[in-house]
Amino acid sequence: MIDGLHREDAFERYLSRSIAGLEGENGWRVSPDDTGFDPQTALYMPDFIEFQERVAPEKLEKMRASMGGNWENNLRMQLVSALRDDGTIEVIRHGFKMAGYQTIMGSAPYPADKRIRNAQANYEANILRVMHQVHYQTQGNKSLDLVFFINGIPVATAEVKTELTQTVQDAIEEYQTERKPVEPGTNRRNWLLMYKSGAVVHFAISEDEVWMCTNLEADVPRFLPFNKGTLDGHAGNPPAEDGGYRTSYFWKEICQRDNWLHVFQNFVFEETSRKEDATGRLRTRRTQIFPRYHQWDAVTKMIADVRANGAGQR
């Protein structure tokens, strides 16, 4: 069992190293543990403050002057309130209002027009981080293998398994049975796992497959494949071209800095529908939609083609 855990940890560390690059040249920071993470807010506040220092230093200077030693706590409280009222995606894309400071940015979008003042510099100021063994419970000691942040705001989690000891289904079952947004019995909320206001998507990853879920609050959370499909049209993933892991596209493509930012800034949306419940009443059902791999791949390639060849082409 210990040997199996060591293998799983080795794959987990390999995954984060691959995301970051040998010298961090891929634009990601890696935290070997969860120092600085606050389960009460689900934030890594140092990155959020550093991002604000880069894009709006004058606002932080004003906060320090007017609020004194309370400025950081006040900023944190405003961010938490926005996440819980408006949701992670809304804050990432549009930021939030703060009286006296206009809009506080959650992230900076890709500069469609690079002539806009500071647009490129602000985009490059975004901070991506992957953190290991994150203790997410507001009361308890359970941890998640990986958590991914944009400017200190959590956007994704991952449970990692190695096929040598367990399968991707074991990671899925772990989410379904153990990773609860609201703890049974105590009703304590684990903010990292809350629908819409916590991490946007939860990945189950092995060397062979990737599955995902956007809502852990259901009685039995539903996971969908985030696989490429095999060359003969079946489920799963084809062998890697370089002879490596079948799921290497996750860290080589999806986690590439521009792609990762683009997914959360442009691809995720909320689907709203109205359905009758058992009593005949119409209930509004909201579902946050994260793209499947082939959807992301197709749209990304079409956008790249339009940029290269112009509109109106096939």
Protein backbone atom coordinates (compact mmCIF):
# COMPACT_ATOMS: atom_id res chain seq x y z
CA MET A 1 0.00 0.00 0.00
CA ILE A 2 2.81 2.41 0.89
CA ASP A 3 4.51 1.61 -2.41
CA GLY A 4 1.28 2.41 -4.24
CA LEU A 5 1.01 5.75 -2.48
CA HIS A 6 4.58 6.55 -3.42
CA ARG A 7 3.82 5.80 -7.07
CA GLU A 8 0.72 7.99 -6.95
CA ASP A 9 2.67 10.84 -5.36
CA ALA A 10 5.39 10.51 -7.99
CA PHE A 11 2.84 10.83 -10.81
CA GLU A 12 1.21 13.79 -9.03
CA ARG A 13 4.58 15.55 -8.73
CA TYR A 14 5.46 14.69 -12.34
CA LEU A 15 2.17 16.24 -13.46
CA SER A 16 2.79 19.54 -11.67
CA ARG A 17 6.42 19.68 -12.85
CA SER A 18 5.24 19.14 -16.41
CA ILE A 19 2.71 21.95 -16.07
CA ALA A 20 5.29 24.39 -14.73
CA GLY A 21 8.29 23.35 -16.82
CA LEU A 22 11.73 22.57 -15.45
CA GLU A 23 12.46 26.19 -14.51
CA GLY A 24 8.89 27.47 -14.33
CA GLU A 25 9.19 28.67 -17.92
CA ASN A 26 5.59 27.68 -18.69
CA GLY A 27 4.22 30.49 -16.55
CA TRP A 28 2.98 28.40 -13.60
CA ARG A 29 4.05 28.45 -9.97
CA VAL A 30 4.08 25.22 -7.96
CA SER A 31 3.38 25.04 -4.22
CA PRO A 32 4.67 21.76 -2.72
CA ASP A 33 2.12 22.07 0.10
CA ASP A 34 -0.84 24.25 1.05
CA THR A 35 0.98 26.87 3.12
CA GLY A 36 -0.94 30.13 2.75
CA PHE A 37 -4.21 28.51 1.67
CA ASP A 38 -7.21 29.44 3.82
CA PRO A 39 -10.04 26.83 3.84
CA GLN A 40 -12.40 29.43 5.35
CA THR A 41 -12.21 31.47 2.14
CA ALA A 42 -10.70 28.90 -0.31
CA LEU A 43 -8.26 31.64 -1.39
CA TYR A 44 -4.51 31.93 -1.74
CA MET A 45 -4.50 35.64 -0.94
CA PRO A 46 -0.78 36.38 -1.59
CA ASP A 47 -1.29 35.82 -5.34
CA PHE A 48 -4.42 37.98 -5.44
CA ILE A 49 -2.61 40.86 -3.75
CA GLU A 50 0.45 40.48 -5.99
CA PHE A 51 -1.80 40.56 -9.07
CA GLN A 52 -3.43 43.78 -7.82
CA GLU A 53 0.03 45.27 -7.19
CA ARG A 54 0.83 44.58 -10.83
CA VAL A 55 -2.36 45.89 -12.46
CA ALA A 56 -3.67 48.54 -10.04
CA PRO A 57 -0.98 49.61 -7.55
CA GLU A 58 -2.64 52.98 -7.07
CA LYS A 59 -5.77 51.30 -5.67
CA LEU A 60 -3.80 49.33 -3.09
CA GLU A 61 -1.89 52.48 -2.14
CA LYS A 62 -5.20 54.25 -1.60
CA MET A 63 -6.50 51.33 0.51
CA ARG A 64 -3.42 51.37 2.72
CA ALA A 65 -3.73 55.10 3.23
CA SER A 66 -7.46 55.10 4.01
CA MET A 67 -7.90 51.78 5.86
CA GLY A 68 -4.60 51.40 7.65
CA GLY A 69 -3.90 47.89 8.92
CA ASN A 70 -7.38 46.65 7.94
CA TRP A 71 -6.96 47.14 4.20
CA GLU A 72 -6.02 43.54 3.37
CA ASN A 73 -8.81 42.03 5.46
CA ASN A 74 -11.35 44.44 3.93
CA LEU A 75 -10.19 43.51 0.43
CA ARG A 76 -10.42 39.81 1.32
CA MET A 77 -13.95 40.20 2.67
CA GLN A 78 -15.09 42.04 -0.47
CA LEU A 79 -13.60 39.32 -2.68
CA VAL A 80 -15.22 36.51 -0.66
CA SER A 81 -18.58 38.30 -0.77
CA ALA A 82 -18.35 38.68 -4.56
CA LEU A 83 -17.42 35.02 -5.05
CA ARG A 84 -20.36 33.82 -2.94
CA ASP A 85 -22.86 36.26 -4.47
CA ASP A 86 -21.77 36.27 -8.12
CA GLY A 87 -19.66 33.12 -8.53
CA THR A 88 -16.07 32.34 -9.45
CA ILE A 89 -16.46 32.75 -13.21
CA GLU A 90 -18.10 36.18 -12.89
CA VAL A 91 -15.30 37.41 -10.61
CA ILE A 92 -12.58 35.95 -12.85
CA ARG A 93 -14.06 37.63 -15.93
CA HIS A 94 -15.48 40.91 -14.64
CA GLY A 95 -14.01 41.44 -11.18
CA PHE A 96 -16.15 43.08 -8.51
CA LYS A 97 -17.15 46.55 -7.36
CA MET A 98 -15.64 48.01 -4.23
CA ALA A 99 -16.90 51.35 -2.93
CA GLY A 100 -14.32 54.04 -3.56
CA TYR A 101 -12.19 51.85 -5.84
CA GLN A 102 -14.48 51.17 -8.82
CA THR A 103 -13.79 47.65 -10.16
CA ILE A 104 -11.24 45.29 -8.63
CA MET A 105 -10.00 42.95 -11.37
CA GLY A 106 -10.21 39.18 -10.94
CA SER A 107 -8.03 38.48 -13.97
CA ALA A 108 -6.89 40.29 -17.10
CA PRO A 109 -8.22 39.01 -20.46
CA TYR A 110 -6.19 38.26 -23.56
CA PRO A 111 -5.67 41.58 -25.38
CA ALA A 112 -7.70 41.24 -28.57
CA ASP A 113 -6.44 44.73 -29.47
CA LYS A 114 -2.88 45.11 -28.23
CA ARG A 115 -3.00 48.84 -28.88
CA ILE A 116 -5.12 49.26 -25.74
CA ARG A 117 -2.95 50.80 -23.05
CA ASN A 118 -1.59 48.27 -20.51
CA ALA A 119 -3.70 45.42 -21.99
CA GLN A 120 -0.73 43.18 -22.79
CA ALA A 121 1.08 43.98 -19.55
CA ASN A 122 -2.06 43.29 -17.50
CA TYR A 123 -2.59 39.96 -19.26
CA GLU A 124 0.99 38.93 -18.58
CA ALA A 125 0.45 39.88 -14.92
CA ASN A 126 -1.98 36.97 -14.37
CA ILE A 127 -0.58 34.48 -11.85
CA LEU A 128 -1.23 30.74 -12.32
CA ARG A 129 -0.52 28.35 -9.46
CA VAL A 130 -0.90 24.62 -8.83
CA MET A 131 -0.82 23.54 -5.18
CA HIS A 132 -0.25 20.06 -3.71
CA GLN A 133 -2.14 18.36 -0.87
CA VAL A 134 -4.63 21.09 -0.08
CA HIS A 135 -6.51 20.68 3.21
CA TYR A 136 -9.87 22.03 2.12
CA GLN A 137 -12.11 21.21 5.11
CA THR A 138 -13.18 24.08 7.36
CA GLN A 139 -13.08 21.50 10.14
CA GLY A 140 -11.19 18.28 9.46
CA ASN A 141 -7.97 17.11 7.88
CA LYS A 142 -8.88 15.73 4.45
CA SER A 143 -6.85 16.98 1.52
CA LEU A 144 -7.09 17.13 -2.26
CA ASP A 145 -4.14 16.13 -4.42
CA LEU A 146 -4.04 19.30 -6.53
CA VAL A 147 -5.77 22.69 -6.63
CA PHE A 148 -5.32 25.16 -9.49
CA PHE A 149 -5.57 28.94 -8.98
CA ILE A 150 -5.82 32.04 -11.15
CA ASN A 151 -4.59 35.06 -9.18
CA GLY A 152 -5.21 33.24 -5.91
CA ILE A 153 -8.80 32.30 -6.82
CA PRO A 154 -9.38 28.52 -7.04
CA VAL A 155 -10.71 27.37 -10.42
CA ALA A 156 -10.06 23.61 -10.45
CA THR A 157 -9.20 20.64 -8.25
CA ALA A 158 -7.82 17.22 -9.11
CA GLU A 159 -7.55 13.75 -7.61
CA VAL A 160 -4.66 11.84 -9.17
CA LYS A 161 -4.41 8.05 -9.42
CA THR A 162 -1.87 5.76 -11.00
CA GLU A 163 -3.10 2.79 -12.99
CA LEU A 164 -0.43 0.68 -11.30
CA THR A 165 -2.46 0.71 -8.08
CA GLN A 166 -5.88 2.31 -8.79
CA THR A 167 -7.89 3.58 -11.76
CA VAL A 168 -9.54 6.86 -12.65
CA GLN A 169 -12.79 5.37 -11.34
CA ASP A 170 -11.26 5.27 -7.87
CA ALA A 171 -10.65 9.01 -8.11
CA ILE A 172 -14.25 9.57 -9.22
CA GLU A 173 -15.60 7.50 -6.33
CA GLU A 174 -13.39 9.43 -3.94
CA TYR A 175 -15.02 12.67 -5.06
CA GLN A 176 -18.50 11.14 -4.93
CA THR A 177 -18.19 9.63 -1.46
CA GLU A 178 -15.61 11.71 0.44
CA ARG A 179 -15.29 15.19 -1.10
CA LYS A 180 -18.45 16.83 0.19
CA PRO A 181 -19.21 20.56 -0.25
CA VAL A 182 -21.39 20.32 2.88
CA GLU A 183 -20.23 17.84 5.50
CA PRO A 184 -22.91 15.26 6.43
CA GLY A 185 -23.99 15.55 10.04
CA THR A 186 -22.37 18.89 10.81
CA ASN A 187 -23.54 20.85 7.72
CA ARG A 188 -20.21 22.67 7.69
CA ARG A 189 -19.41 24.11 4.28
CA ASN A 190 -16.17 23.38 2.50
CA TRP A 191 -15.90 26.54 0.43
CA LEU A 192 -13.42 25.16 -2.08
CA LEU A 193 -15.98 22.55 -3.20
CA MET A 194 -19.12 24.71 -3.24
CA TYR A 195 -20.94 24.89 -6.56
CA LYS A 196 -20.36 28.11 -8.53
CA SER A 197 -18.61 30.00 -5.69
CA GLY A 198 -15.73 27.54 -5.26
CA ALA A 199 -13.60 25.72 -7.82
CA VAL A 200 -15.33 25.59 -11.21
CA VAL A 201 -14.36 22.05 -12.21
CA HIS A 202 -13.05 18.92 -10.51
CA PHE A 203 -10.81 16.50 -12.43
CA ALA A 204 -10.19 12.80 -11.86
CA ILE A 205 -6.86 12.02 -13.54
CA SER A 206 -4.87 8.87 -14.18
CA GLU A 207 -2.15 8.03 -16.71
CA ASP A 208 -4.86 6.79 -19.09
CA GLU A 209 -7.99 8.94 -18.62
CA VAL A 210 -9.34 12.28 -17.40
CA TRP A 211 -12.92 12.81 -16.17
CA MET A 212 -14.54 15.99 -14.86
CA CYS A 213 -17.44 17.28 -12.77
CA THR A 214 -18.70 20.85 -12.23
CA ASN A 215 -21.09 20.20 -9.32
CA LEU A 216 -20.20 18.08 -6.31
CA GLU A 217 -23.38 19.08 -4.46
CA ALA A 218 -25.55 16.41 -6.10
CA ASP A 219 -26.30 13.25 -4.12
CA VAL A 220 -24.12 11.37 -6.61
CA PRO A 221 -22.00 13.89 -8.52
CA ARG A 222 -21.97 13.23 -12.27
CA PHE A 223 -18.59 12.94 -13.96
CA LEU A 224 -18.14 13.26 -17.71
CA PRO A 225 -15.14 12.12 -19.77
CA PHE A 226 -12.55 14.74 -20.63
CA ASN A 227 -10.80 12.35 -23.00
CA LYS A 228 -9.74 12.75 -26.62
CA GLY A 229 -11.25 9.49 -27.83
CA THR A 230 -9.26 6.79 -29.58
CA LEU A 231 -8.28 6.80 -33.23
CA ASP A 232 -10.90 4.17 -34.05
CA GLY A 233 -13.69 6.24 -32.52
CA HIS A 234 -13.93 4.54 -29.12
CA ALA A 235 -13.82 6.02 -25.63
CA GLY A 236 -10.59 6.74 -23.80
CA ASN A 237 -7.36 8.13 -25.20
CA PRO A 238 -4.93 7.06 -27.90
CA PRO A 239 -1.32 6.23 -27.01
CA ALA A 240 0.80 9.35 -26.62
CA GLU A 241 2.84 10.16 -29.72
CA ASP A 242 6.04 10.40 -27.70
CA GLY A 243 5.38 7.11 -25.91
CA GLY A 244 4.51 8.90 -22.66
CA TYR A 245 1.25 9.05 -20.73
CA ARG A 246 -2.04 8.91 -22.60
CA THR A 247 -3.27 11.91 -20.59
CA SER A 248 -0.27 14.12 -21.34
CA TYR A 249 -2.53 16.38 -23.44
CA PHE A 250 -3.98 17.65 -20.16
CA TRP A 251 -0.75 19.29 -19.01
CA LYS A 252 0.71 19.90 -22.48
CA GLU A 253 -2.39 21.48 -24.04
CA ILE A 254 -5.13 22.34 -21.53
CA CYS A 255 -2.73 23.65 -18.86
CA GLN A 256 -0.68 25.66 -21.34
CA ARG A 257 -0.87 29.20 -19.88
CA ASP A 258 -2.86 30.92 -22.66
CA ASN A 259 -5.20 27.94 -23.07
CA TRP A 260 -5.91 27.68 -19.34
CA LEU A 261 -6.76 31.37 -19.04
CA HIS A 262 -8.85 31.25 -22.21
CA VAL A 263 -10.96 28.36 -20.91
CA PHE A 264 -12.02 30.17 -17.73
CA GLN A 265 -12.29 33.59 -19.31
CA ASN A 266 -14.34 32.48 -22.32
CA PHE A 267 -15.55 28.87 -22.42
CA VAL A 268 -17.41 28.16 -19.16
CA PHE A 269 -21.08 29.14 -19.04
CA GLU A 270 -24.17 28.43 -16.97
CA GLU A 271 -27.15 26.65 -18.51
CA THR A 272 -30.57 27.46 -17.02
CA SER A 273 -33.67 25.30 -17.40
CA ARG A 274 -37.03 24.99 -15.68
CA LYS A 275 -38.44 21.58 -14.76
CA GLU A 276 -41.35 20.30 -12.70
CA ASP A 277 -40.56 18.69 -9.38
CA ALA A 278 -42.51 15.86 -7.73
CA THR A 279 -45.18 18.32 -6.52
CA GLY A 280 -45.72 19.81 -9.97
CA ARG A 281 -43.95 23.07 -9.18
CA LEU A 282 -41.58 24.57 -11.72
CA ARG A 283 -38.05 24.72 -10.41
CA THR A 284 -35.14 26.57 -11.96
CA ARG A 285 -32.17 24.32 -12.53
CA ARG A 286 -28.75 25.84 -13.12
CA THR A 287 -25.83 23.87 -14.51
CA GLN A 288 -22.32 25.20 -14.99
CA ILE A 289 -20.96 23.86 -18.27
CA PHE A 290 -17.26 23.16 -18.72
CA PRO A 291 -16.25 22.23 -22.29
CA ARG A 292 -15.45 18.66 -23.21
CA TYR A 293 -12.02 18.19 -24.75
CA HIS A 294 -13.25 17.93 -28.35
CA GLN A 295 -15.40 21.07 -27.94
CA TRP A 296 -12.45 23.05 -26.62
CA ASP A 297 -10.17 21.65 -29.32
CA ALA A 298 -12.53 22.44 -32.21
CA VAL A 299 -13.28 26.02 -31.11
CA THR A 300 -9.61 26.75 -30.37
CA LYS A 301 -8.57 25.54 -33.83
CA MET A 302 -11.30 27.59 -35.54
CA ILE A 303 -10.29 30.76 -33.68
CA ALA A 304 -6.64 30.17 -34.60
CA ASP A 305 -7.63 29.70 -38.25
CA VAL A 306 -9.64 32.93 -38.30
CA ARG A 307 -6.72 34.84 -36.78
CA ALA A 308 -4.36 33.39 -39.37
CA ASN A 309 -6.57 33.46 -42.48
CA GLY A 310 -9.35 35.95 -41.75
CA ALA A 311 -13.13 35.50 -41.60
CA GLY A 312 -15.29 33.98 -44.34
CA GLN A 313 -13.14 30.90 -44.94
CA ARG A 314 -14.08 27.26 -44.52
